[in-house]
């Protein structure tokens, strides 16, 4: 059980997101003391949302997978947050812009586990635990945070700002593909906004999965069969507005889409 101060901070941060309250920076009374404290707050945040908000855990997202973002946030490794079951959308999602303070989208490769993953390992070991891969959109709610003032502790305490995911059709034939070499594109209203490759995520998406597996194992909450893991964005975060149509495409894995009303 979290201590009272951790629980109080988590409840306050949950309220910020439920109220879609614009914040330039996390209020001082809710700020973690350090990154370890941030993860404790994040865990309490997750427990609150599981029982009275967004449903059980469907998987995890990995954030800060590039050196430039890690440097910006003052850390030397990624961070993670939970994905909740009520916010998993399949194929083509339709969402309302007014339900968010500010919604953002990221272009990702996602994996669904076919077996528990008690720890990280080499790519061959990881591959045996993966059932399917897919193109995916991560939905971000950043509450219009001032990115010049962001750090990893604030991001982690807010569950890495995950607001859901949109999953493309699953591919069971992904082992025939080199995930690091797969190209991906983000289009808004038919116009290509950005592109990247799987290797932009820590050199290989499975490196990100291995990192997460070890991190969660150390926390006593290993990744379980059936969970989805979002490996990290290969295109810079974008901010669609009402009326926009978003599509991401990963070569060999297909597409996922979002219409924002």
Protein backbone atom coordinates (compact mmCIF):
# COMPACT_ATOMS: atom_id res chain seq x y z
CA UNK A 1 0.00 0.00 0.00
CA UNK A 2 1.30 3.51 -0.79
CA UNK A 3 1.93 5.84 2.12
CA UNK A 4 -0.51 8.68 2.70
CA UNK A 5 1.63 11.35 1.00
CA UNK A 6 2.11 9.19 -2.09
CA UNK A 7 -1.62 8.45 -2.24
CA UNK A 8 -2.47 12.14 -1.80
CA UNK A 9 -0.20 13.15 -4.66
CA UNK A 10 -1.56 10.41 -6.90
CA UNK A 11 -5.15 11.45 -6.17
CA UNK A 12 -4.29 15.05 -7.01
CA UNK A 13 -2.68 14.09 -10.31
CA UNK A 14 -5.58 11.80 -11.22
CA UNK A 15 -7.90 14.76 -10.60
CA UNK A 16 -5.88 16.95 -12.98
CA UNK A 17 -6.37 14.46 -15.79
CA UNK A 18 -9.99 13.67 -15.04
CA UNK A 19 -10.80 17.38 -15.00
CA UNK A 20 -8.64 17.98 -18.11
CA UNK A 21 -7.16 20.89 -16.19
CA UNK A 22 -4.53 22.92 -18.04
CA UNK A 23 -1.24 23.07 -16.13
CA UNK A 24 1.99 24.71 -17.22
CA UNK A 25 3.87 22.65 -14.65
CA UNK A 26 2.86 20.07 -12.05
CA UNK A 27 1.82 21.90 -8.85
CA UNK A 28 4.53 21.95 -6.20
CA UNK A 29 2.38 20.11 -3.66
CA UNK A 30 2.03 17.19 -6.10
CA UNK A 31 5.62 17.10 -7.30
CA UNK A 32 7.65 13.93 -6.68
CA UNK A 33 10.73 14.18 -4.51
CA UNK A 34 12.73 12.19 -7.07
CA UNK A 35 12.26 9.57 -9.79
CA UNK A 36 11.74 6.73 -7.31
CA UNK A 37 9.01 8.75 -5.64
CA UNK A 38 7.53 9.45 -9.09
CA UNK A 39 7.23 5.73 -9.81
CA UNK A 40 5.57 5.17 -6.43
CA UNK A 41 3.07 7.91 -7.26
CA UNK A 42 2.55 6.40 -10.72
CA UNK A 43 1.77 3.03 -9.16
CA UNK A 44 -0.80 4.61 -6.85
CA UNK A 45 -2.22 6.54 -9.85
CA UNK A 46 -2.62 3.20 -11.65
CA UNK A 47 -4.37 1.58 -8.69
CA UNK A 48 -6.86 4.45 -8.46
CA UNK A 49 -7.67 4.35 -12.17
CA UNK A 50 -7.96 0.56 -12.25
CA UNK A 51 -10.56 0.51 -9.49
CA UNK A 52 -12.54 3.67 -10.16
CA UNK A 53 -11.76 4.96 -13.61
CA UNK A 54 -10.21 3.46 -16.70
CA UNK A 55 -10.37 -0.28 -16.11
CA UNK A 56 -7.72 -2.97 -15.71
CA UNK A 57 -4.22 -2.77 -17.17
CA UNK A 58 -4.04 -3.78 -20.83
CA UNK A 59 -0.32 -3.15 -21.18
CA UNK A 60 2.35 -0.47 -21.05
CA UNK A 61 3.80 2.40 -23.04
CA UNK A 62 7.48 3.32 -23.14
CA UNK A 63 8.43 6.99 -23.29
CA UNK A 64 11.66 8.98 -23.66
CA UNK A 65 13.25 6.39 -25.97
CA UNK A 66 15.56 8.87 -27.71
CA UNK A 67 18.69 10.55 -26.28
CA UNK A 68 17.36 14.02 -27.09
CA UNK A 69 14.19 13.47 -25.04
CA UNK A 70 16.13 11.86 -22.19
CA UNK A 71 18.48 14.85 -22.11
CA UNK A 72 15.51 17.23 -22.13
CA UNK A 73 14.02 15.41 -19.13
CA UNK A 74 17.26 14.93 -17.23
CA UNK A 75 17.49 11.13 -17.31
CA UNK A 76 19.63 8.49 -18.99
CA UNK A 77 16.97 5.87 -19.69
CA UNK A 78 13.34 5.69 -20.85
CA UNK A 79 10.31 5.68 -18.58
CA UNK A 80 6.98 3.88 -18.69
CA UNK A 81 3.28 4.17 -17.94
CA UNK A 82 0.26 1.87 -17.96
CA UNK A 83 -2.31 1.51 -20.73
CA UNK A 84 -5.86 0.97 -19.45
CA UNK A 85 -8.32 -1.45 -21.03
CA UNK A 86 -11.16 1.04 -21.56
CA UNK A 87 -8.84 3.17 -23.70
CA UNK A 88 -7.74 0.50 -26.17
CA UNK A 89 -9.27 1.12 -29.60
CA UNK A 90 -9.05 -1.19 -32.59
CA UNK A 91 -8.46 -0.20 -36.20
CA UNK A 92 -10.09 3.19 -36.70
CA UNK A 93 -11.03 5.20 -33.62
CA UNK A 94 -13.42 8.14 -33.44
CA UNK A 95 -12.83 10.45 -30.48
CA UNK A 96 -13.98 13.92 -29.44
CA UNK A 97 -11.39 16.66 -29.12
CA UNK A 98 -13.43 18.28 -26.34
CA UNK A 99 -12.84 15.24 -24.14
CA UNK A 100 -9.17 16.22 -23.83
CA UNK A 101 -7.33 19.31 -22.68
CA UNK A 102 -4.94 18.72 -25.59
CA UNK A 103 -4.65 15.42 -27.40
CA UNK A 104 -1.45 14.38 -29.12
CA UNK A 105 -0.58 11.35 -31.24
CA UNK A 106 2.53 9.23 -31.68
CA UNK A 107 3.49 6.68 -34.34
CA UNK A 108 4.52 3.34 -32.90
CA UNK A 109 5.16 -0.37 -33.31
CA UNK A 110 3.21 -2.36 -30.72
CA UNK A 111 3.62 -5.98 -29.63
CA UNK A 112 1.16 -8.29 -27.90
CA UNK A 113 2.67 -10.96 -25.68
CA UNK A 114 1.74 -14.60 -26.11
CA UNK A 115 3.52 -15.60 -22.90
CA UNK A 116 4.58 -13.99 -19.64
CA UNK A 117 7.85 -12.07 -19.87
CA UNK A 118 9.53 -12.36 -16.47
CA UNK A 119 12.64 -10.45 -17.56
CA UNK A 120 14.41 -8.97 -20.58
CA UNK A 121 16.75 -10.89 -22.84
CA UNK A 122 18.16 -11.14 -26.32
CA UNK A 123 15.96 -10.70 -29.37
CA UNK A 124 15.46 -14.43 -29.88
CA UNK A 125 14.26 -14.87 -26.30
CA UNK A 126 11.93 -11.89 -26.57
CA UNK A 127 10.54 -13.05 -29.92
CA UNK A 128 9.42 -16.33 -28.39
CA UNK A 129 7.23 -14.38 -25.95
CA UNK A 130 5.58 -12.21 -28.63
CA UNK A 131 2.37 -13.31 -30.32
CA UNK A 132 1.66 -10.47 -32.76
CA UNK A 133 2.94 -7.04 -33.81
CA UNK A 134 0.95 -4.16 -35.18
CA UNK A 135 1.01 -0.54 -36.24
CA UNK A 136 -0.34 1.62 -33.43
CA UNK A 137 -1.16 5.17 -32.42
CA UNK A 138 -0.48 6.29 -28.89
CA UNK A 139 -2.84 8.94 -27.57
CA UNK A 140 -1.24 11.50 -25.28
CA UNK A 141 -2.91 13.94 -22.89
CA UNK A 142 -0.30 16.52 -21.84
CA UNK A 143 -2.66 19.10 -20.24
CA UNK A 144 -0.80 21.73 -22.31
CA UNK A 145 2.28 21.29 -20.14
CA UNK A 146 5.16 23.71 -20.69
CA UNK A 147 7.75 21.44 -22.30
CA UNK A 148 10.55 23.83 -21.33
CA UNK A 149 9.81 22.93 -17.70
CA UNK A 150 9.24 19.20 -18.05
CA UNK A 151 11.32 16.56 -16.32
CA UNK A 152 11.07 12.79 -16.07
CA UNK A 153 9.64 12.82 -12.53
CA UNK A 154 6.63 14.91 -13.54
CA UNK A 155 6.05 12.75 -16.62
CA UNK A 156 6.29 9.46 -14.71
CA UNK A 157 4.02 10.61 -11.88
CA UNK A 158 1.35 11.38 -14.49
CA UNK A 159 1.58 7.83 -15.91
CA UNK A 160 3.69 9.12 -18.81
CA UNK A 161 0.57 10.97 -20.01
CA UNK A 162 -0.98 7.95 -21.71
CA UNK A 163 -4.56 8.55 -22.83
CA UNK A 164 -5.07 5.32 -24.76
CA UNK A 165 -3.95 3.53 -27.90
CA UNK A 166 -5.31 2.65 -31.33
CA UNK A 167 -4.16 -0.74 -32.60
CA UNK A 168 -3.99 -1.76 -36.24
CA UNK A 169 -4.69 -5.34 -37.37
CA UNK A 170 -2.35 -7.84 -35.69
CA UNK A 171 0.33 -9.55 -37.76
CA UNK A 172 1.32 -13.05 -36.75
CA UNK A 173 3.94 -13.12 -39.53
CA UNK A 174 6.05 -10.36 -38.02
CA UNK A 175 9.07 -12.66 -37.53
CA UNK A 176 9.68 -12.48 -41.27
CA UNK A 177 10.26 -8.74 -40.87
CA UNK A 178 13.21 -6.78 -39.49
CA UNK A 179 11.42 -4.50 -37.05
CA UNK A 180 14.39 -2.12 -36.89
CA UNK A 181 14.24 -1.53 -40.66
CA UNK A 182 10.49 -1.02 -40.97
CA UNK A 183 9.56 2.46 -42.16
CA UNK A 184 6.61 4.29 -40.64
CA UNK A 185 4.67 7.38 -41.63
CA UNK A 186 2.19 9.72 -39.99
CA UNK A 187 -0.41 11.47 -42.13
CA UNK A 188 -2.93 14.08 -41.07
CA UNK A 189 -5.75 14.76 -43.52
CA UNK A 190 -3.82 12.81 -46.15
CA UNK A 191 -0.64 14.87 -45.85
CA UNK A 192 2.51 13.16 -44.64
CA UNK A 193 3.75 14.92 -41.51
CA UNK A 194 6.74 12.78 -40.57
CA UNK A 195 8.43 9.42 -40.96
CA UNK A 196 10.92 7.17 -39.21
CA UNK A 197 12.08 3.60 -38.82
CA UNK A 198 11.76 1.03 -36.06
CA UNK A 199 15.43 1.39 -35.23
CA UNK A 200 14.79 4.97 -34.08
CA UNK A 201 13.47 3.39 -30.87
CA UNK A 202 16.58 2.46 -28.86
CA UNK A 203 18.17 0.89 -31.93
CA UNK A 204 15.42 -1.75 -32.15
CA UNK A 205 11.86 -1.98 -30.73
CA UNK A 206 12.81 -5.21 -28.94
CA UNK A 207 15.52 -3.32 -27.04
CA UNK A 208 12.74 -1.17 -25.62
CA UNK A 209 10.72 -4.25 -24.71
CA UNK A 210 13.73 -5.81 -22.96
CA UNK A 211 14.30 -2.62 -20.97
CA UNK A 212 10.66 -2.54 -19.89
CA UNK A 213 10.63 -6.22 -18.92
CA UNK A 214 13.64 -5.75 -16.65
CA UNK A 215 12.26 -2.55 -15.15
CA UNK A 216 8.89 -4.11 -14.34
CA UNK A 217 10.49 -7.31 -13.02
CA UNK A 218 12.54 -5.21 -10.61
CA UNK A 219 9.31 -3.53 -9.46
CA UNK A 220 7.67 -6.92 -8.88
CA UNK A 221 5.08 -6.43 -11.63
CA UNK A 222 6.35 -8.41 -14.66
CA UNK A 223 4.77 -8.11 -18.10
CA UNK A 224 2.03 -10.72 -18.53
CA UNK A 225 0.63 -12.77 -21.39
CA UNK A 226 -1.91 -10.84 -23.44
CA UNK A 227 -0.52 -7.42 -22.58
CA UNK A 228 0.27 -4.88 -25.29
CA UNK A 229 3.54 -2.94 -25.18
CA UNK A 230 3.95 0.31 -27.11
CA UNK A 231 7.64 0.49 -27.99
CA UNK A 232 7.98 4.26 -28.48
CA UNK A 233 7.36 6.79 -31.21
CA UNK A 234 9.29 6.84 -34.47
CA UNK A 235 7.78 10.20 -35.53
CA UNK A 236 7.75 13.43 -33.54
CA UNK A 237 4.61 13.97 -31.46
CA UNK A 238 1.81 15.76 -33.32
CA UNK A 239 -1.26 17.65 -32.10
CA UNK A 240 -4.38 17.08 -34.23
CA UNK A 241 -7.48 19.22 -33.74
CA UNK A 242 -11.20 18.64 -34.20
CA UNK A 243 -11.96 17.65 -37.79
CA UNK A 244 -8.57 16.05 -38.43
CA UNK A 245 -8.08 12.52 -39.74
CA UNK A 246 -4.91 10.82 -38.54
CA UNK A 247 -3.41 7.72 -40.13
CA UNK A 248 -0.18 5.96 -39.30
CA UNK A 249 1.32 3.25 -41.47
CA UNK A 250 4.15 0.85 -40.69
CA UNK A 251 5.52 -1.08 -43.67
CA UNK A 252 4.68 -4.75 -43.33
CA UNK A 253 2.35 -4.18 -40.37
CA UNK A 254 -0.43 -2.05 -41.83
CA UNK A 255 -2.25 1.02 -40.57
CA UNK A 256 -4.17 2.49 -37.65
CA UNK A 257 -6.37 5.57 -37.79
CA UNK A 258 -8.06 8.24 -35.73
CA UNK A 259 -10.82 10.69 -36.60
CA UNK A 260 -11.04 13.58 -34.16
CA UNK A 261 -14.49 15.11 -33.91
